[in-house]
Amino acid sequence: METIITLAVLILSIILHEVAHGYAANWLGDPTARLQGRLTLNPMSHIDPIGSVIVPTMLFLTNAGFMFGWAKPVPYNPYNLRNQKWGEAFVAFAGPGTNFLLAIIFAVLIHMSPILGLDASFVDLAAYIVFINVFLGCFNLIPFPPLDGSKVIEPFLPRSLGMRYRSLGDSFARFGIMGSILILLVFVFVFAEPFFYLVRTITEFIITL
């Protein structure tokens, strides 16, 4: 039962992350995700068999100490966005931003649990939801292709450096999603201690605020 709840929390958080990208793109003028039926919470429209099921399950069963996964990326055409300088960064930030918003909402529920009459089991679940969403938000904001952070940081770079940075992202794209994820996992494991310290610190700050 615990495994099912954990996977459900992770999958739903990932789906909301992806749907947020689609809604942001649609709001800025690109209807690609909407026309492809991706602005929905139906898991079947977003689940990636490997990233949404197999990888999280293996990490949980092997007691890896953290949960990780991904859904099928929501498609969008950056050339349709009304704001060509900041539009793509806004769409990219919408995903991690949604994860942080979810973390804050459930932290508020934890604070209000005595008033709302919520029991300890709900508080424990809410604390986990806060943690997993802080993790997803922080991880996706790492400025490394293909993560959202690479799109968020690009408009802040000088034009020439930004073009080289985009070229780096295009180079990693040739490896496909699995190749990029493996590279990113190596990056995270190298910096695992400071990264998880950051995630735990933010989680504790939100919950105890």
N, C-alpha and C. Protein backbone atom coordinates (compact mmCIF):
# COMPACT_ATOMS: atom_id res chain seq x y z
N MET A 1 0.82 -1.20 0.00
CA MET A 1 0.00 0.00 0.00
C MET A 1 0.86 1.26 0.00
N GLU A 2 1.92 1.24 0.81
CA GLU A 2 2.82 2.39 0.88
C GLU A 2 3.46 2.65 -0.48
N THR A 3 3.83 1.57 -1.17
CA THR A 3 4.44 1.71 -2.50
C THR A 3 3.48 2.37 -3.47
N ILE A 4 2.23 1.95 -3.43
CA ILE A 4 1.22 2.49 -4.34
C ILE A 4 1.01 3.98 -4.07
N ILE A 5 0.91 4.35 -2.79
CA ILE A 5 0.70 5.76 -2.44
C ILE A 5 1.89 6.60 -2.87
N THR A 6 3.10 6.09 -2.62
CA THR A 6 4.32 6.82 -2.99
C THR A 6 4.39 7.06 -4.49
N LEU A 7 4.13 6.00 -5.27
CA LEU A 7 4.16 6.13 -6.73
C LEU A 7 3.06 7.06 -7.22
N ALA A 8 1.89 6.98 -6.59
CA ALA A 8 0.77 7.84 -6.99
C ALA A 8 1.13 9.31 -6.78
N VAL A 9 1.75 9.62 -5.63
CA VAL A 9 2.15 10.99 -5.34
C VAL A 9 3.17 11.48 -6.36
N LEU A 10 4.15 10.65 -6.65
CA LEU A 10 5.19 11.02 -7.60
C LEU A 10 4.61 11.23 -9.00
N ILE A 11 3.79 10.28 -9.45
CA ILE A 11 3.23 10.37 -10.80
C ILE A 11 2.34 11.60 -10.94
N LEU A 12 1.48 11.84 -9.96
CA LEU A 12 0.58 13.00 -10.03
C LEU A 12 1.38 14.31 -10.03
N SER A 13 2.42 14.37 -9.22
CA SER A 13 3.25 15.58 -9.17
C SER A 13 3.93 15.82 -10.51
N ILE A 14 4.40 14.74 -11.14
CA ILE A 14 5.05 14.86 -12.45
C ILE A 14 4.05 15.29 -13.51
N ILE A 15 2.85 14.71 -13.47
CA ILE A 15 1.81 15.05 -14.45
C ILE A 15 1.42 16.53 -14.33
N LEU A 16 1.21 17.00 -13.11
CA LEU A 16 0.87 18.41 -12.90
C LEU A 16 1.99 19.31 -13.41
N HIS A 17 3.22 18.88 -13.23
CA HIS A 17 4.39 19.61 -13.73
C HIS A 17 4.30 19.76 -15.24
N GLU A 18 4.02 18.65 -15.93
CA GLU A 18 3.96 18.68 -17.40
C GLU A 18 2.76 19.47 -17.91
N VAL A 19 1.61 19.29 -17.27
CA VAL A 19 0.41 20.01 -17.69
C VAL A 19 0.62 21.52 -17.54
N ALA A 20 1.34 21.92 -16.50
CA ALA A 20 1.62 23.34 -16.30
C ALA A 20 2.41 23.92 -17.47
N HIS A 21 3.36 23.14 -18.01
CA HIS A 21 4.09 23.58 -19.20
C HIS A 21 3.10 23.86 -20.34
N GLY A 22 2.18 22.93 -20.54
CA GLY A 22 1.23 23.05 -21.64
C GLY A 22 0.31 24.25 -21.48
N TYR A 23 -0.19 24.46 -20.27
CA TYR A 23 -1.07 25.60 -20.03
C TYR A 23 -0.33 26.92 -20.21
N ALA A 24 0.93 26.97 -19.76
CA ALA A 24 1.72 28.19 -19.92
C ALA A 24 1.94 28.49 -21.39
N ALA A 25 2.28 27.45 -22.17
CA ALA A 25 2.49 27.64 -23.60
C ALA A 25 1.21 28.09 -24.29
N ASN A 26 0.09 27.47 -23.92
CA ASN A 26 -1.20 27.83 -24.53
C ASN A 26 -1.56 29.28 -24.20
N TRP A 27 -1.30 29.68 -22.96
CA TRP A 27 -1.59 31.05 -22.53
C TRP A 27 -0.74 32.06 -23.30
N LEU A 28 0.47 31.64 -23.69
CA LEU A 28 1.37 32.53 -24.40
C LEU A 28 1.23 32.43 -25.92
N GLY A 29 0.24 31.66 -26.39
CA GLY A 29 -0.05 31.66 -27.82
C GLY A 29 0.24 30.39 -28.58
N ASP A 30 0.79 29.36 -27.92
CA ASP A 30 1.07 28.11 -28.63
C ASP A 30 0.08 27.03 -28.22
N PRO A 31 -0.80 26.60 -29.13
CA PRO A 31 -1.85 25.63 -28.79
C PRO A 31 -1.44 24.17 -28.99
N THR A 32 -0.15 23.91 -29.22
CA THR A 32 0.29 22.56 -29.58
C THR A 32 -0.17 21.52 -28.57
N ALA A 33 0.09 21.75 -27.28
CA ALA A 33 -0.28 20.78 -26.25
C ALA A 33 -1.80 20.60 -26.19
N ARG A 34 -2.52 21.71 -26.31
CA ARG A 34 -3.99 21.63 -26.26
C ARG A 34 -4.53 20.84 -27.44
N LEU A 35 -4.00 21.08 -28.63
CA LEU A 35 -4.48 20.39 -29.82
C LEU A 35 -4.13 18.90 -29.81
N GLN A 36 -3.09 18.54 -29.06
CA GLN A 36 -2.70 17.13 -28.96
C GLN A 36 -3.32 16.45 -27.74
N GLY A 37 -4.23 17.14 -27.07
CA GLY A 37 -4.93 16.54 -25.93
C GLY A 37 -4.09 16.33 -24.71
N ARG A 38 -3.07 17.17 -24.52
CA ARG A 38 -2.17 16.99 -23.37
C ARG A 38 -2.50 17.89 -22.20
N LEU A 39 -3.52 18.74 -22.33
CA LEU A 39 -3.91 19.58 -21.20
C LEU A 39 -4.97 18.84 -20.38
N THR A 40 -4.59 17.70 -19.87
CA THR A 40 -5.50 16.84 -19.12
C THR A 40 -4.73 16.18 -17.98
N LEU A 41 -5.45 15.84 -16.91
CA LEU A 41 -4.83 15.13 -15.79
C LEU A 41 -4.94 13.62 -15.95
N ASN A 42 -5.49 13.17 -17.07
CA ASN A 42 -5.58 11.74 -17.33
C ASN A 42 -4.17 11.15 -17.44
N PRO A 43 -3.77 10.28 -16.50
CA PRO A 43 -2.40 9.75 -16.51
C PRO A 43 -2.02 9.06 -17.82
N MET A 44 -2.99 8.46 -18.48
CA MET A 44 -2.69 7.72 -19.70
C MET A 44 -2.15 8.63 -20.81
N SER A 45 -2.43 9.92 -20.71
CA SER A 45 -1.94 10.86 -21.72
C SER A 45 -0.51 11.30 -21.45
N HIS A 46 0.00 11.00 -20.26
CA HIS A 46 1.31 11.52 -19.87
C HIS A 46 2.31 10.45 -19.45
N ILE A 47 1.85 9.30 -19.04
CA ILE A 47 2.75 8.31 -18.46
C ILE A 47 3.76 7.79 -19.49
N ASP A 48 5.01 7.82 -19.08
CA ASP A 48 6.08 7.18 -19.84
C ASP A 48 6.37 5.86 -19.12
N PRO A 49 6.23 4.72 -19.80
CA PRO A 49 6.37 3.43 -19.11
C PRO A 49 7.67 3.30 -18.32
N ILE A 50 8.75 3.82 -18.87
CA ILE A 50 10.04 3.70 -18.18
C ILE A 50 10.15 4.75 -17.08
N GLY A 51 9.96 6.02 -17.44
CA GLY A 51 10.18 7.11 -16.49
C GLY A 51 9.12 7.25 -15.42
N SER A 52 7.87 6.84 -15.73
CA SER A 52 6.79 7.03 -14.76
C SER A 52 6.49 5.79 -13.94
N VAL A 53 6.96 4.63 -14.38
CA VAL A 53 6.62 3.38 -13.68
C VAL A 53 7.87 2.59 -13.30
N ILE A 54 8.65 2.18 -14.29
CA ILE A 54 9.76 1.26 -14.03
C ILE A 54 10.84 1.89 -13.16
N VAL A 55 11.34 3.08 -13.54
CA VAL A 55 12.41 3.71 -12.77
C VAL A 55 11.98 4.03 -11.34
N PRO A 56 10.83 4.69 -11.10
CA PRO A 56 10.43 4.96 -9.71
C PRO A 56 10.24 3.68 -8.89
N THR A 57 9.67 2.65 -9.51
CA THR A 57 9.45 1.40 -8.79
C THR A 57 10.77 0.76 -8.38
N MET A 58 11.74 0.75 -9.29
CA MET A 58 13.05 0.17 -8.99
C MET A 58 13.75 0.95 -7.89
N LEU A 59 13.67 2.29 -7.93
CA LEU A 59 14.30 3.11 -6.90
C LEU A 59 13.67 2.85 -5.54
N PHE A 60 12.35 2.68 -5.53
CA PHE A 60 11.66 2.43 -4.26
C PHE A 60 12.01 1.06 -3.70
N LEU A 61 11.98 0.05 -4.55
CA LEU A 61 12.21 -1.33 -4.10
C LEU A 61 13.66 -1.57 -3.69
N THR A 62 14.58 -0.80 -4.25
CA THR A 62 16.00 -0.96 -3.92
C THR A 62 16.45 -0.03 -2.81
N ASN A 63 15.47 0.70 -2.19
CA ASN A 63 15.78 1.63 -1.10
C ASN A 63 16.89 2.61 -1.48
N ALA A 64 16.73 3.21 -2.66
CA ALA A 64 17.75 4.13 -3.17
C ALA A 64 17.86 5.39 -2.32
N GLY A 65 16.84 5.70 -1.55
CA GLY A 65 16.89 6.87 -0.69
C GLY A 65 16.24 8.10 -1.31
N PHE A 66 15.83 8.00 -2.56
CA PHE A 66 15.13 9.10 -3.20
C PHE A 66 14.27 8.54 -4.32
N MET A 67 13.30 9.34 -4.75
CA MET A 67 12.42 8.95 -5.84
C MET A 67 12.66 9.88 -7.02
N PHE A 68 12.60 9.31 -8.21
CA PHE A 68 12.86 10.08 -9.40
C PHE A 68 12.05 9.50 -10.55
N GLY A 69 11.62 10.35 -11.44
CA GLY A 69 10.88 9.84 -12.59
C GLY A 69 10.57 10.97 -13.54
N TRP A 70 9.94 10.65 -14.65
CA TRP A 70 9.56 11.66 -15.62
C TRP A 70 8.36 11.17 -16.42
N ALA A 71 7.65 12.12 -16.99
CA ALA A 71 6.51 11.80 -17.86
C ALA A 71 6.90 12.15 -19.29
N LYS A 72 6.00 11.83 -20.23
CA LYS A 72 6.23 12.24 -21.61
C LYS A 72 6.20 13.77 -21.65
N PRO A 73 7.24 14.39 -22.19
CA PRO A 73 7.25 15.86 -22.23
C PRO A 73 6.05 16.40 -23.01
N VAL A 74 5.45 17.45 -22.47
CA VAL A 74 4.36 18.12 -23.17
C VAL A 74 4.96 18.93 -24.32
N PRO A 75 4.48 18.71 -25.54
CA PRO A 75 5.07 19.40 -26.70
C PRO A 75 4.64 20.86 -26.77
N TYR A 76 5.53 21.69 -27.25
CA TYR A 76 5.17 23.08 -27.55
C TYR A 76 6.13 23.61 -28.61
N ASN A 77 5.66 24.60 -29.34
CA ASN A 77 6.46 25.21 -30.40
C ASN A 77 6.89 26.60 -29.93
N PRO A 78 8.17 26.78 -29.59
CA PRO A 78 8.60 28.08 -29.05
C PRO A 78 8.39 29.23 -30.03
N TYR A 79 8.33 28.93 -31.34
CA TYR A 79 8.17 29.99 -32.33
C TYR A 79 6.74 30.55 -32.34
N ASN A 80 5.81 29.84 -31.70
CA ASN A 80 4.43 30.33 -31.61
C ASN A 80 4.22 31.24 -30.41
N LEU A 81 5.18 31.27 -29.49
CA LEU A 81 5.01 32.06 -28.27
C LEU A 81 5.07 33.55 -28.59
N ARG A 82 4.19 34.31 -27.98
CA ARG A 82 4.12 35.75 -28.26
C ARG A 82 5.39 36.47 -27.84
N ASN A 83 5.94 36.09 -26.71
CA ASN A 83 7.17 36.72 -26.23
C ASN A 83 8.35 35.81 -26.55
N GLN A 84 9.09 36.16 -27.57
CA GLN A 84 10.18 35.29 -28.02
C GLN A 84 11.39 35.32 -27.09
N LYS A 85 11.55 36.39 -26.32
CA LYS A 85 12.71 36.45 -25.42
C LYS A 85 12.47 35.68 -24.13
N TRP A 86 11.30 35.91 -23.51
CA TRP A 86 11.04 35.34 -22.19
C TRP A 86 10.01 34.21 -22.20
N GLY A 87 9.32 34.02 -23.32
CA GLY A 87 8.24 33.04 -23.37
C GLY A 87 8.68 31.64 -23.03
N GLU A 88 9.78 31.19 -23.64
CA GLU A 88 10.23 29.83 -23.41
C GLU A 88 10.67 29.63 -21.96
N ALA A 89 11.29 30.66 -21.38
CA ALA A 89 11.70 30.59 -19.98
C ALA A 89 10.48 30.49 -19.08
N PHE A 90 9.42 31.23 -19.40
CA PHE A 90 8.20 31.19 -18.60
C PHE A 90 7.56 29.81 -18.67
N VAL A 91 7.50 29.25 -19.90
CA VAL A 91 6.93 27.91 -20.07
C VAL A 91 7.76 26.89 -19.27
N ALA A 92 9.07 27.02 -19.33
CA ALA A 92 9.95 26.09 -18.62
C ALA A 92 9.77 26.19 -17.12
N PHE A 93 9.64 27.42 -16.61
CA PHE A 93 9.52 27.60 -15.16
C PHE A 93 8.16 27.17 -14.64
N ALA A 94 7.16 27.12 -15.51
CA ALA A 94 5.80 26.76 -15.06
C ALA A 94 5.78 25.39 -14.41
N GLY A 95 6.59 24.45 -14.89
CA GLY A 95 6.62 23.10 -14.31
C GLY A 95 7.16 23.09 -12.90
N PRO A 96 8.43 23.51 -12.69
CA PRO A 96 8.97 23.56 -11.33
C PRO A 96 8.16 24.50 -10.43
N GLY A 97 7.66 25.60 -11.00
CA GLY A 97 6.85 26.52 -10.20
C GLY A 97 5.62 25.84 -9.64
N THR A 98 5.01 24.97 -10.44
CA THR A 98 3.84 24.22 -9.98
C THR A 98 4.22 23.27 -8.85
N ASN A 99 5.39 22.65 -8.95
CA ASN A 99 5.84 21.75 -7.89
C ASN A 99 6.04 22.52 -6.58
N PHE A 100 6.63 23.69 -6.66
CA PHE A 100 6.82 24.50 -5.45
C PHE A 100 5.48 24.96 -4.89
N LEU A 101 4.54 25.29 -5.76
CA LEU A 101 3.21 25.70 -5.31
C LEU A 101 2.52 24.56 -4.58
N LEU A 102 2.62 23.34 -5.12
CA LEU A 102 2.04 22.17 -4.46
C LEU A 102 2.67 21.96 -3.09
N ALA A 103 3.99 22.13 -3.01
CA ALA A 103 4.69 21.98 -1.74
C ALA A 103 4.15 22.98 -0.71
N ILE A 104 3.94 24.21 -1.12
CA ILE A 104 3.44 25.24 -0.22
C ILE A 104 2.01 24.93 0.22
N ILE A 105 1.17 24.49 -0.71
CA ILE A 105 -0.22 24.17 -0.38
C ILE A 105 -0.30 23.08 0.68
N PHE A 106 0.50 22.02 0.51
CA PHE A 106 0.45 20.92 1.48
C PHE A 106 1.14 21.29 2.79
N ALA A 107 2.10 22.20 2.75
CA ALA A 107 2.70 22.69 3.99
C ALA A 107 1.66 23.48 4.78
N VAL A 108 0.84 24.26 4.08
CA VAL A 108 -0.23 25.01 4.74
C VAL A 108 -1.23 24.04 5.38
N LEU A 109 -1.55 22.95 4.67
CA LEU A 109 -2.47 21.95 5.21
C LEU A 109 -1.90 21.31 6.48
N ILE A 110 -0.58 21.12 6.49
CA ILE A 110 0.06 20.56 7.69
C ILE A 110 -0.13 21.52 8.86
N HIS A 111 0.09 22.80 8.61
CA HIS A 111 -0.07 23.81 9.67
C HIS A 111 -1.51 23.88 10.16
N MET A 112 -2.45 23.65 9.24
CA MET A 112 -3.87 23.77 9.59
C MET A 112 -4.48 22.45 10.03
N SER A 113 -3.67 21.39 10.09
CA SER A 113 -4.19 20.06 10.41
C SER A 113 -4.95 20.00 11.74
N PRO A 114 -4.48 20.69 12.81
CA PRO A 114 -5.27 20.63 14.07
C PRO A 114 -6.65 21.26 13.90
N ILE A 115 -6.71 22.36 13.16
CA ILE A 115 -7.99 23.05 12.96
C ILE A 115 -8.92 22.22 12.09
N LEU A 116 -8.32 21.58 11.04
CA LEU A 116 -9.12 20.80 10.10
C LEU A 116 -9.41 19.39 10.60
N GLY A 117 -8.78 19.00 11.71
CA GLY A 117 -8.99 17.68 12.27
C GLY A 117 -8.31 16.58 11.46
N LEU A 118 -7.19 16.90 10.80
CA LEU A 118 -6.47 15.91 10.00
C LEU A 118 -5.56 15.10 10.90
N ASP A 119 -5.55 13.79 10.69
CA ASP A 119 -4.78 12.92 11.59
C ASP A 119 -3.31 12.85 11.19
N ALA A 120 -2.53 12.12 12.00
CA ALA A 120 -1.08 12.04 11.81
C ALA A 120 -0.71 11.38 10.48
N SER A 121 -1.51 10.42 10.02
CA SER A 121 -1.21 9.75 8.76
C SER A 121 -1.29 10.72 7.59
N PHE A 122 -2.27 11.63 7.63
CA PHE A 122 -2.35 12.65 6.57
C PHE A 122 -1.17 13.60 6.64
N VAL A 123 -0.79 14.00 7.85
CA VAL A 123 0.35 14.91 8.01
C VAL A 123 1.61 14.28 7.44
N ASP A 124 1.82 12.99 7.72
CA ASP A 124 2.99 12.29 7.19
C ASP A 124 2.97 12.27 5.66
N LEU A 125 1.78 11.98 5.09
CA LEU A 125 1.65 11.96 3.63
C LEU A 125 1.89 13.36 3.06
N ALA A 126 1.33 14.38 3.70
CA ALA A 126 1.51 15.75 3.23
C ALA A 126 2.98 16.16 3.28
N ALA A 127 3.68 15.74 4.34
CA ALA A 127 5.11 16.06 4.45
C ALA A 127 5.88 15.41 3.31
N TYR A 128 5.49 14.19 2.95
CA TYR A 128 6.16 13.52 1.82
C TYR A 128 5.87 14.25 0.51
N ILE A 129 4.62 14.71 0.34
CA ILE A 129 4.25 15.44 -0.87
C ILE A 129 5.07 16.73 -0.97
N VAL A 130 5.27 17.40 0.17
CA VAL A 130 6.10 18.60 0.17
C VAL A 130 7.51 18.24 -0.28
N PHE A 131 8.07 17.18 0.30
CA PHE A 131 9.45 16.79 -0.04
C PHE A 131 9.59 16.44 -1.51
N ILE A 132 8.71 15.61 -2.04
CA ILE A 132 8.87 15.15 -3.42
C ILE A 132 8.71 16.30 -4.40
N ASN A 133 7.84 17.26 -4.07
CA ASN A 133 7.66 18.39 -4.98
C ASN A 133 8.81 19.39 -4.89
N VAL A 134 9.38 19.55 -3.71
CA VAL A 134 10.58 20.38 -3.59
C VAL A 134 11.72 19.72 -4.37
N PHE A 135 11.82 18.39 -4.25
CA PHE A 135 12.85 17.65 -4.99
C PHE A 135 12.68 17.86 -6.49
N LEU A 136 11.45 17.66 -7.00
CA LEU A 136 11.20 17.81 -8.44
C LEU A 136 11.46 19.24 -8.90
N GLY A 137 11.02 20.21 -8.08
CA GLY A 137 11.23 21.60 -8.45
C GLY A 137 12.70 21.96 -8.53
N CYS A 138 13.47 21.58 -7.51
CA CYS A 138 14.90 21.88 -7.49
C CYS A 138 15.64 21.14 -8.59
N PHE A 139 15.31 19.85 -8.77
CA PHE A 139 16.01 19.05 -9.76
C PHE A 139 15.80 19.63 -11.16
N ASN A 140 14.56 19.98 -11.47
CA ASN A 140 14.27 20.47 -12.81
C ASN A 140 14.81 21.87 -13.06
N LEU A 141 15.17 22.59 -12.01
CA LEU A 141 15.75 23.92 -12.19
C LEU A 141 17.27 23.88 -12.30
N ILE A 142 17.87 22.69 -12.24
CA ILE A 142 19.30 22.60 -12.50
C ILE A 142 19.55 23.09 -13.93
N PRO A 143 20.43 24.07 -14.12
CA PRO A 143 20.63 24.65 -15.46
C PRO A 143 21.47 23.75 -16.37
N PHE A 144 20.93 22.58 -16.66
CA PHE A 144 21.65 21.58 -17.44
C PHE A 144 20.67 20.93 -18.40
N PRO A 145 20.96 20.96 -19.71
CA PRO A 145 20.03 20.34 -20.68
C PRO A 145 19.84 18.86 -20.37
N PRO A 146 18.62 18.33 -20.50
CA PRO A 146 17.41 18.96 -21.05
C PRO A 146 16.47 19.50 -19.98
N LEU A 147 16.96 19.73 -18.77
CA LEU A 147 16.09 20.17 -17.68
C LEU A 147 15.58 21.59 -17.91
N ASP A 148 14.47 21.90 -17.23
CA ASP A 148 13.82 23.20 -17.40
C ASP A 148 14.76 24.36 -17.06
N GLY A 149 15.65 24.13 -16.13
CA GLY A 149 16.56 25.19 -15.72
C GLY A 149 17.41 25.72 -16.86
N SER A 150 17.71 24.86 -17.83
CA SER A 150 18.52 25.30 -18.96
C SER A 150 17.76 26.31 -19.82
N LYS A 151 16.43 26.19 -19.87
CA LYS A 151 15.61 27.15 -20.62
C LYS A 151 15.37 28.41 -19.80
N VAL A 152 15.27 28.25 -18.48
CA VAL A 152 15.02 29.40 -17.62
C VAL A 152 16.20 30.35 -17.62
N ILE A 153 17.41 29.80 -17.60
CA ILE A 153 18.60 30.64 -17.47
C ILE A 153 19.02 31.29 -18.79
N GLU A 154 18.63 30.69 -19.90
CA GLU A 154 19.13 31.14 -21.20
C GLU A 154 18.87 32.62 -21.49
N PRO A 155 17.65 33.16 -21.24
CA PRO A 155 17.42 34.58 -21.57
C PRO A 155 18.28 35.55 -20.75
N PHE A 156 18.80 35.08 -19.61
CA PHE A 156 19.61 35.95 -18.76
C PHE A 156 21.06 36.02 -19.24
N LEU A 157 21.44 35.13 -20.16
CA LEU A 157 22.81 35.09 -20.65
C LEU A 157 23.02 36.09 -21.78
N PRO A 158 24.26 36.60 -21.94
CA PRO A 158 24.56 37.42 -23.12
C PRO A 158 24.23 36.64 -24.39
N ARG A 159 23.88 37.35 -25.45
CA ARG A 159 23.38 36.70 -26.67
C ARG A 159 24.32 35.62 -27.19
N SER A 160 25.62 35.93 -27.29
CA SER A 160 26.57 34.96 -27.84
C SER A 160 26.67 33.72 -26.95
N LEU A 161 26.73 33.95 -25.62
CA LEU A 161 26.81 32.83 -24.69
C LEU A 161 25.52 32.03 -24.70
N GLY A 162 24.39 32.73 -24.82
CA GLY A 162 23.10 32.05 -24.88
C GLY A 162 22.99 31.14 -26.09
N MET A 163 23.53 31.58 -27.23
CA MET A 163 23.50 30.75 -28.44
C MET A 163 24.35 29.51 -28.28
N ARG A 164 25.51 29.67 -27.63
CA ARG A 164 26.37 28.50 -27.40
C ARG A 164 25.72 27.53 -26.40
N TYR A 165 25.03 28.11 -25.41
CA TYR A 165 24.34 27.29 -24.42
C TYR A 165 23.22 26.49 -25.06
N ARG A 166 22.47 27.13 -25.96
CA ARG A 166 21.40 26.42 -26.69
C ARG A 166 21.99 25.33 -27.57
N SER A 167 23.14 25.61 -28.17
CA SER A 167 23.80 24.60 -29.00
C SER A 167 24.20 23.39 -28.17
N LEU A 168 24.64 23.64 -26.92
CA LEU A 168 24.98 22.53 -26.03
C LEU A 168 23.75 21.68 -25.77
N GLY A 169 22.60 22.33 -25.55
CA GLY A 169 21.36 21.59 -25.33
C GLY A 169 20.98 20.76 -26.54
N ASP A 170 21.16 21.32 -27.74
CA ASP A 170 20.86 20.58 -28.97
C ASP A 170 21.77 19.36 -29.11
N SER A 171 23.02 19.50 -28.66
CA SER A 171 23.96 18.38 -28.74
C SER A 171 23.52 17.24 -27.83
N PHE A 172 23.08 17.58 -26.60
CA PHE A 172 22.62 16.55 -25.68
C PHE A 172 21.34 15.90 -26.17
N ALA A 173 20.54 16.66 -26.91
CA ALA A 173 19.27 16.13 -27.42
C ALA A 173 19.51 14.97 -28.38
N ARG A 174 20.66 14.93 -29.00
CA ARG A 174 20.96 13.84 -29.94
C ARG A 174 21.08 12.50 -29.24
N PHE A 175 21.38 12.53 -27.94
CA PHE A 175 21.48 11.28 -27.18
C PHE A 175 20.11 10.71 -26.83
N GLY A 176 19.07 11.53 -27.02
CA GLY A 176 17.74 11.08 -26.64
C GLY A 176 17.52 11.28 -25.15
N ILE A 177 16.29 11.08 -24.71
CA ILE A 177 15.93 11.34 -23.33
C ILE A 177 16.68 10.45 -22.35
N MET A 178 16.88 9.18 -22.69
CA MET A 178 17.56 8.28 -21.75
C MET A 178 19.01 8.67 -21.57
N GLY A 179 19.68 9.04 -22.67
CA GLY A 179 21.07 9.44 -22.56
C GLY A 179 21.22 10.68 -21.70
N SER A 180 20.32 11.65 -21.89
CA SER A 180 20.37 12.88 -21.11
C SER A 180 20.08 12.60 -19.64
N ILE A 181 19.10 11.71 -19.37
CA ILE A 181 18.77 11.39 -17.98
C ILE A 181 19.94 10.71 -17.29
N LEU A 182 20.64 9.83 -17.98
CA LEU A 182 21.79 9.15 -17.39
C LEU A 182 22.89 10.16 -17.05
N ILE A 183 23.12 11.11 -17.95
CA ILE A 183 24.11 12.15 -17.69
C ILE A 183 23.70 12.99 -16.48
N LEU A 184 22.41 13.30 -16.41
CA LEU A 184 21.92 14.10 -15.29
C LEU A 184 22.02 13.35 -13.97
N LEU A 185 21.76 12.04 -14.01
CA LEU A 185 21.87 11.25 -12.79
C LEU A 185 23.31 11.22 -12.29
N VAL A 186 24.25 11.13 -13.21
CA VAL A 186 25.67 11.19 -12.83
C VAL A 186 25.96 12.54 -12.17
N PHE A 187 25.42 13.60 -12.77
CA PHE A 187 25.60 14.94 -12.21
C PHE A 187 25.05 15.02 -10.78
N VAL A 188 23.84 14.49 -10.59
CA VAL A 188 23.21 14.55 -9.27
C VAL A 188 23.98 13.72 -8.26
N PHE A 189 24.44 12.53 -8.67
CA PHE A 189 25.17 11.68 -7.72
C PHE A 189 26.50 12.33 -7.32
N VAL A 190 27.13 13.05 -8.25
CA VAL A 190 28.38 13.73 -7.92
C VAL A 190 28.13 14.81 -6.88
N PHE A 191 27.01 15.52 -7.05
CA PHE A 191 26.66 16.60 -6.13
C PHE A 191 25.51 16.20 -5.21
N ALA A 192 25.38 14.90 -4.96
CA ALA A 192 24.23 14.40 -4.21
C ALA A 192 24.11 15.04 -2.83
N GLU A 193 25.21 15.10 -2.09
CA GLU A 193 25.13 15.59 -0.71
C GLU A 193 24.65 17.03 -0.63
N PRO A 194 25.27 17.98 -1.37
CA PRO A 194 24.76 19.36 -1.29
C PRO A 194 23.36 19.51 -1.88
N PHE A 195 23.05 18.70 -2.91
CA PHE A 195 21.72 18.80 -3.52
C PHE A 195 20.64 18.36 -2.54
N PHE A 196 20.82 17.21 -1.91
CA PHE A 196 19.82 16.73 -0.97
C PHE A 196 19.77 17.60 0.29
N TYR A 197 20.90 18.19 0.65
CA TYR A 197 20.89 19.13 1.77
C TYR A 197 20.01 20.33 1.43
N LEU A 198 20.13 20.82 0.20
CA LEU A 198 19.30 21.93 -0.25
C LEU A 198 17.82 21.55 -0.23
N VAL A 199 17.50 20.36 -0.74
CA VAL A 199 16.11 19.91 -0.78
C VAL A 199 15.55 19.77 0.63
N ARG A 200 16.31 19.15 1.52
CA ARG A 200 15.85 18.98 2.91
C ARG A 200 15.67 20.32 3.60
N THR A 201 16.60 21.25 3.36
CA THR A 201 16.53 22.57 3.99
C THR A 201 15.29 23.32 3.54
N ILE A 202 15.03 23.31 2.24
CA ILE A 202 13.84 24.00 1.71
C ILE A 202 12.56 23.35 2.24
N THR A 203 12.55 22.01 2.26
CA THR A 203 11.39 21.28 2.77
C THR A 203 11.10 21.63 4.21
N GLU A 204 12.14 21.60 5.05
CA GLU A 204 11.97 21.92 6.47
C GLU A 204 11.54 23.37 6.65
N PHE A 205 12.08 24.27 5.83
CA PHE A 205 11.72 25.68 5.93
C PHE A 205 10.25 25.89 5.60
N ILE A 206 9.79 25.24 4.52
CA ILE A 206 8.38 25.40 4.12
C ILE A 206 7.44 24.82 5.18
N ILE A 207 7.80 23.65 5.72
CA ILE A 207 6.92 23.00 6.69
C ILE A 207 6.87 23.74 8.01
N THR A 208 8.01 24.27 8.44
CA THR A 208 8.08 24.90 9.77
C THR A 208 7.84 26.40 9.73
N LEU A 209 7.68 26.97 8.53
CA LEU A 209 7.50 28.41 8.40
C LEU A 209 6.26 28.90 9.17
